[in-house]
Each structure stands twice: as structure tokens, then as C-alpha cells.
């Protein structure tokens, strides 16, 4: 496996960890971690929370894509 693929995967992984740590956690909503969030809770988000949600989704998609590329090259 090429070294550049490993470096990209590590960079994306670290970015995803940092982005997730920046997200705010509201008390009593630990169920959102496992997909327990409703549409009404998602719709009530504003400003920075929406941006972090979109960035997290994009970085997670890049992580999945880079994982698939690594599997293909292996």
C-alpha cells in the first residue's frame, strides 16, 4: 500500500476525531450517539451546530471513500 494513502487516511481520521470533539453535547441526549435523534431535534439546530454537522458528514464520507480506496489498492 502506498505511503501517501496511509498519510491521507491518518489525516482524515484525526480531522474526524477533532470535529466530533468540537460538537456540543446536550445533557440527557446521549441516545443521539446511537441514532436516537429525531427530525425535530435535528431541525432545531442553528448556526455553528449545522456547520459542524455538515463538516462531520463530509469528513466521514471522505473517511469511507479513503478506506475503500485502500482496500482496492491492497
N, C-alpha and C. Protein backbone atom coordinates (compact mmCIF):
# COMPACT_ATOMS: atom_id res chain seq x y z
N UNK A 1 0.85 -1.17 0.00
CA UNK A 1 0.00 0.00 0.00
C UNK A 1 0.90 1.24 0.00
N UNK A 2 0.62 2.21 -0.85
CA UNK A 2 1.44 3.43 -0.91
C UNK A 2 1.38 4.23 0.39
N UNK A 3 2.49 4.87 0.69
CA UNK A 3 2.60 5.67 1.91
C UNK A 3 1.64 6.85 1.88
N UNK A 4 1.41 7.43 0.71
CA UNK A 4 0.54 8.60 0.64
C UNK A 4 -0.90 8.25 1.00
N UNK A 5 -1.32 7.02 0.72
CA UNK A 5 -2.68 6.61 1.11
C UNK A 5 -2.80 6.50 2.63
N UNK A 6 -1.76 5.98 3.26
CA UNK A 6 -1.78 5.88 4.72
C UNK A 6 -1.80 7.26 5.37
N UNK A 7 -1.03 8.19 4.82
CA UNK A 7 -0.99 9.54 5.38
C UNK A 7 -2.34 10.25 5.22
N UNK A 8 -2.98 10.05 4.08
CA UNK A 8 -4.31 10.64 3.87
C UNK A 8 -5.32 10.05 4.86
N UNK A 9 -5.27 8.74 5.07
CA UNK A 9 -6.19 8.09 6.00
C UNK A 9 -5.97 8.58 7.43
N UNK A 10 -4.72 8.72 7.84
CA UNK A 10 -4.42 9.21 9.19
C UNK A 10 -4.89 10.64 9.36
N UNK A 11 -4.66 11.47 8.36
CA UNK A 11 -5.08 12.87 8.43
C UNK A 11 -6.60 13.00 8.52
N UNK A 12 -7.30 12.24 7.71
CA UNK A 12 -8.76 12.28 7.75
C UNK A 12 -9.28 11.76 9.09
N UNK A 13 -8.64 10.72 9.61
CA UNK A 13 -9.06 10.16 10.91
C UNK A 13 -8.90 11.19 12.02
N UNK A 14 -7.76 11.86 12.06
CA UNK A 14 -7.53 12.88 13.08
C UNK A 14 -8.51 14.05 12.94
N UNK A 15 -8.78 14.45 11.71
CA UNK A 15 -9.74 15.53 11.48
C UNK A 15 -11.12 15.14 11.97
N UNK A 16 -11.52 13.91 11.71
CA UNK A 16 -12.84 13.45 12.14
C UNK A 16 -12.93 13.42 13.67
N UNK A 17 -11.88 12.99 14.33
CA UNK A 17 -11.87 12.97 15.80
C UNK A 17 -12.00 14.39 16.35
N UNK A 18 -11.24 15.32 15.79
CA UNK A 18 -11.28 16.71 16.28
C UNK A 18 -12.66 17.33 16.06
N UNK A 19 -13.24 17.10 14.90
CA UNK A 19 -14.55 17.68 14.59
C UNK A 19 -15.62 17.13 15.52
N UNK A 20 -15.56 15.84 15.79
CA UNK A 20 -16.55 15.24 16.70
C UNK A 20 -16.39 15.79 18.11
N UNK A 21 -15.16 16.02 18.54
CA UNK A 21 -14.94 16.57 19.87
C UNK A 21 -15.43 18.01 20.00
N UNK A 22 -15.46 18.75 18.92
CA UNK A 22 -15.95 20.13 18.95
C UNK A 22 -17.47 20.23 19.04
N UNK A 23 -18.18 19.16 18.74
CA UNK A 23 -19.64 19.21 18.78
C UNK A 23 -20.12 19.28 20.22
N UNK A 24 -21.18 20.06 20.43
CA UNK A 24 -21.72 20.21 21.78
C UNK A 24 -22.60 19.01 22.12
N UNK A 25 -22.56 18.63 23.37
CA UNK A 25 -23.38 17.51 23.84
C UNK A 25 -24.36 18.08 24.84
N UNK A 26 -25.62 17.88 24.58
CA UNK A 26 -26.65 18.37 25.49
C UNK A 26 -26.95 17.29 26.51
N UNK A 27 -27.22 17.70 27.73
CA UNK A 27 -27.49 16.76 28.81
C UNK A 27 -28.74 15.94 28.52
N UNK A 28 -28.64 14.65 28.73
CA UNK A 28 -29.78 13.77 28.56
C UNK A 28 -30.04 13.34 27.14
N UNK A 29 -29.14 13.66 26.23
CA UNK A 29 -29.35 13.27 24.84
C UNK A 29 -28.25 12.35 24.35
N UNK A 30 -27.79 11.47 25.21
CA UNK A 30 -26.78 10.51 24.84
C UNK A 30 -27.28 9.51 23.82
N UNK A 31 -28.59 9.38 23.68
CA UNK A 31 -29.15 8.46 22.71
C UNK A 31 -28.90 8.88 21.28
N UNK A 32 -28.55 10.15 21.06
CA UNK A 32 -28.24 10.64 19.73
C UNK A 32 -26.99 9.98 19.15
N UNK A 33 -26.13 9.50 20.03
CA UNK A 33 -24.92 8.83 19.59
C UNK A 33 -25.28 7.58 18.79
N UNK A 34 -26.35 6.92 19.19
CA UNK A 34 -26.75 5.67 18.56
C UNK A 34 -27.90 5.87 17.59
N UNK A 35 -28.10 7.09 17.11
CA UNK A 35 -29.13 7.34 16.12
C UNK A 35 -30.48 7.65 16.72
N UNK A 36 -30.53 8.02 18.00
CA UNK A 36 -31.79 8.27 18.66
C UNK A 36 -32.33 9.68 18.46
N UNK A 37 -31.65 10.46 17.65
CA UNK A 37 -32.07 11.84 17.44
C UNK A 37 -33.25 11.88 16.48
N UNK A 38 -34.25 12.69 16.82
CA UNK A 38 -35.43 12.81 15.95
C UNK A 38 -35.23 13.94 14.95
N UNK A 39 -36.10 14.00 13.97
CA UNK A 39 -36.02 15.07 12.97
C UNK A 39 -36.24 16.44 13.62
N UNK A 40 -37.12 16.50 14.62
CA UNK A 40 -37.39 17.77 15.29
C UNK A 40 -36.15 18.29 15.99
N UNK A 41 -35.36 17.40 16.60
CA UNK A 41 -34.13 17.83 17.27
C UNK A 41 -33.10 18.29 16.25
N UNK A 42 -33.05 17.62 15.11
CA UNK A 42 -32.11 18.00 14.06
C UNK A 42 -32.49 19.36 13.47
N UNK A 43 -33.76 19.58 13.30
CA UNK A 43 -34.23 20.82 12.70
C UNK A 43 -34.02 22.03 13.61
N UNK A 44 -33.97 21.80 14.92
CA UNK A 44 -33.81 22.90 15.86
C UNK A 44 -32.39 23.43 15.97
N UNK A 45 -31.45 22.82 15.30
CA UNK A 45 -30.06 23.27 15.37
C UNK A 45 -29.89 24.57 14.59
N UNK A 46 -28.93 25.36 15.04
CA UNK A 46 -28.70 26.65 14.38
C UNK A 46 -27.20 26.93 14.29
N UNK A 47 -26.85 27.73 13.31
CA UNK A 47 -25.52 28.29 13.17
C UNK A 47 -24.39 27.29 13.13
N UNK A 48 -23.55 27.37 14.15
CA UNK A 48 -22.33 26.57 14.19
C UNK A 48 -22.64 25.08 14.27
N UNK A 49 -23.71 24.70 14.94
CA UNK A 49 -24.06 23.28 15.04
C UNK A 49 -24.38 22.69 13.67
N UNK A 50 -25.07 23.44 12.84
CA UNK A 50 -25.40 22.97 11.49
C UNK A 50 -24.13 22.83 10.67
N UNK A 51 -23.24 23.80 10.77
CA UNK A 51 -21.98 23.74 10.04
C UNK A 51 -21.15 22.54 10.48
N UNK A 52 -21.06 22.30 11.79
CA UNK A 52 -20.31 21.16 12.29
C UNK A 52 -20.93 19.84 11.83
N UNK A 53 -22.24 19.79 11.78
CA UNK A 53 -22.91 18.58 11.31
C UNK A 53 -22.57 18.30 9.84
N UNK A 54 -22.59 19.33 9.02
CA UNK A 54 -22.27 19.16 7.60
C UNK A 54 -20.81 18.80 7.39
N UNK A 55 -19.91 19.44 8.15
CA UNK A 55 -18.49 19.14 8.03
C UNK A 55 -18.21 17.72 8.50
N UNK A 56 -18.84 17.30 9.60
CA UNK A 56 -18.67 15.94 10.10
C UNK A 56 -19.14 14.92 9.06
N UNK A 57 -20.27 15.18 8.44
CA UNK A 57 -20.78 14.28 7.41
C UNK A 57 -19.82 14.19 6.22
N UNK A 58 -19.29 15.33 5.80
CA UNK A 58 -18.36 15.34 4.66
C UNK A 58 -17.06 14.61 4.99
N UNK A 59 -16.52 14.84 6.17
CA UNK A 59 -15.27 14.19 6.55
C UNK A 59 -15.49 12.69 6.75
N UNK A 60 -16.64 12.30 7.29
CA UNK A 60 -16.95 10.88 7.43
C UNK A 60 -17.05 10.21 6.06
N UNK A 61 -17.64 10.90 5.09
CA UNK A 61 -17.73 10.37 3.73
C UNK A 61 -16.34 10.23 3.12
N UNK A 62 -15.47 11.20 3.35
CA UNK A 62 -14.09 11.10 2.87
C UNK A 62 -13.36 9.93 3.52
N UNK A 63 -13.63 9.70 4.80
CA UNK A 63 -13.02 8.58 5.51
C UNK A 63 -13.44 7.25 4.89
N UNK A 64 -14.73 7.12 4.61
CA UNK A 64 -15.24 5.89 3.99
C UNK A 64 -14.63 5.71 2.60
N UNK A 65 -14.59 6.80 1.83
CA UNK A 65 -14.02 6.74 0.48
C UNK A 65 -12.54 6.35 0.51
N UNK A 66 -11.79 6.94 1.42
CA UNK A 66 -10.36 6.59 1.51
C UNK A 66 -10.18 5.15 1.97
N UNK A 67 -11.06 4.66 2.83
CA UNK A 67 -10.98 3.26 3.26
C UNK A 67 -11.23 2.32 2.09
N UNK A 68 -12.18 2.66 1.25
CA UNK A 68 -12.47 1.83 0.07
C UNK A 68 -11.29 1.85 -0.90
N UNK A 69 -10.68 3.02 -1.07
CA UNK A 69 -9.51 3.12 -1.96
C UNK A 69 -8.36 2.28 -1.42
N UNK A 70 -8.17 2.28 -0.11
CA UNK A 70 -7.12 1.47 0.49
C UNK A 70 -7.38 -0.01 0.27
N UNK A 71 -8.63 -0.42 0.41
CA UNK A 71 -8.98 -1.83 0.17
C UNK A 71 -8.70 -2.21 -1.28
N UNK A 72 -9.00 -1.33 -2.21
CA UNK A 72 -8.76 -1.61 -3.63
C UNK A 72 -7.26 -1.75 -3.92
N UNK A 73 -6.45 -0.87 -3.33
CA UNK A 73 -5.02 -0.91 -3.59
C UNK A 73 -4.30 -2.04 -2.85
N UNK A 74 -4.93 -2.59 -1.84
CA UNK A 74 -4.31 -3.65 -1.06
C UNK A 74 -4.38 -4.92 -1.76
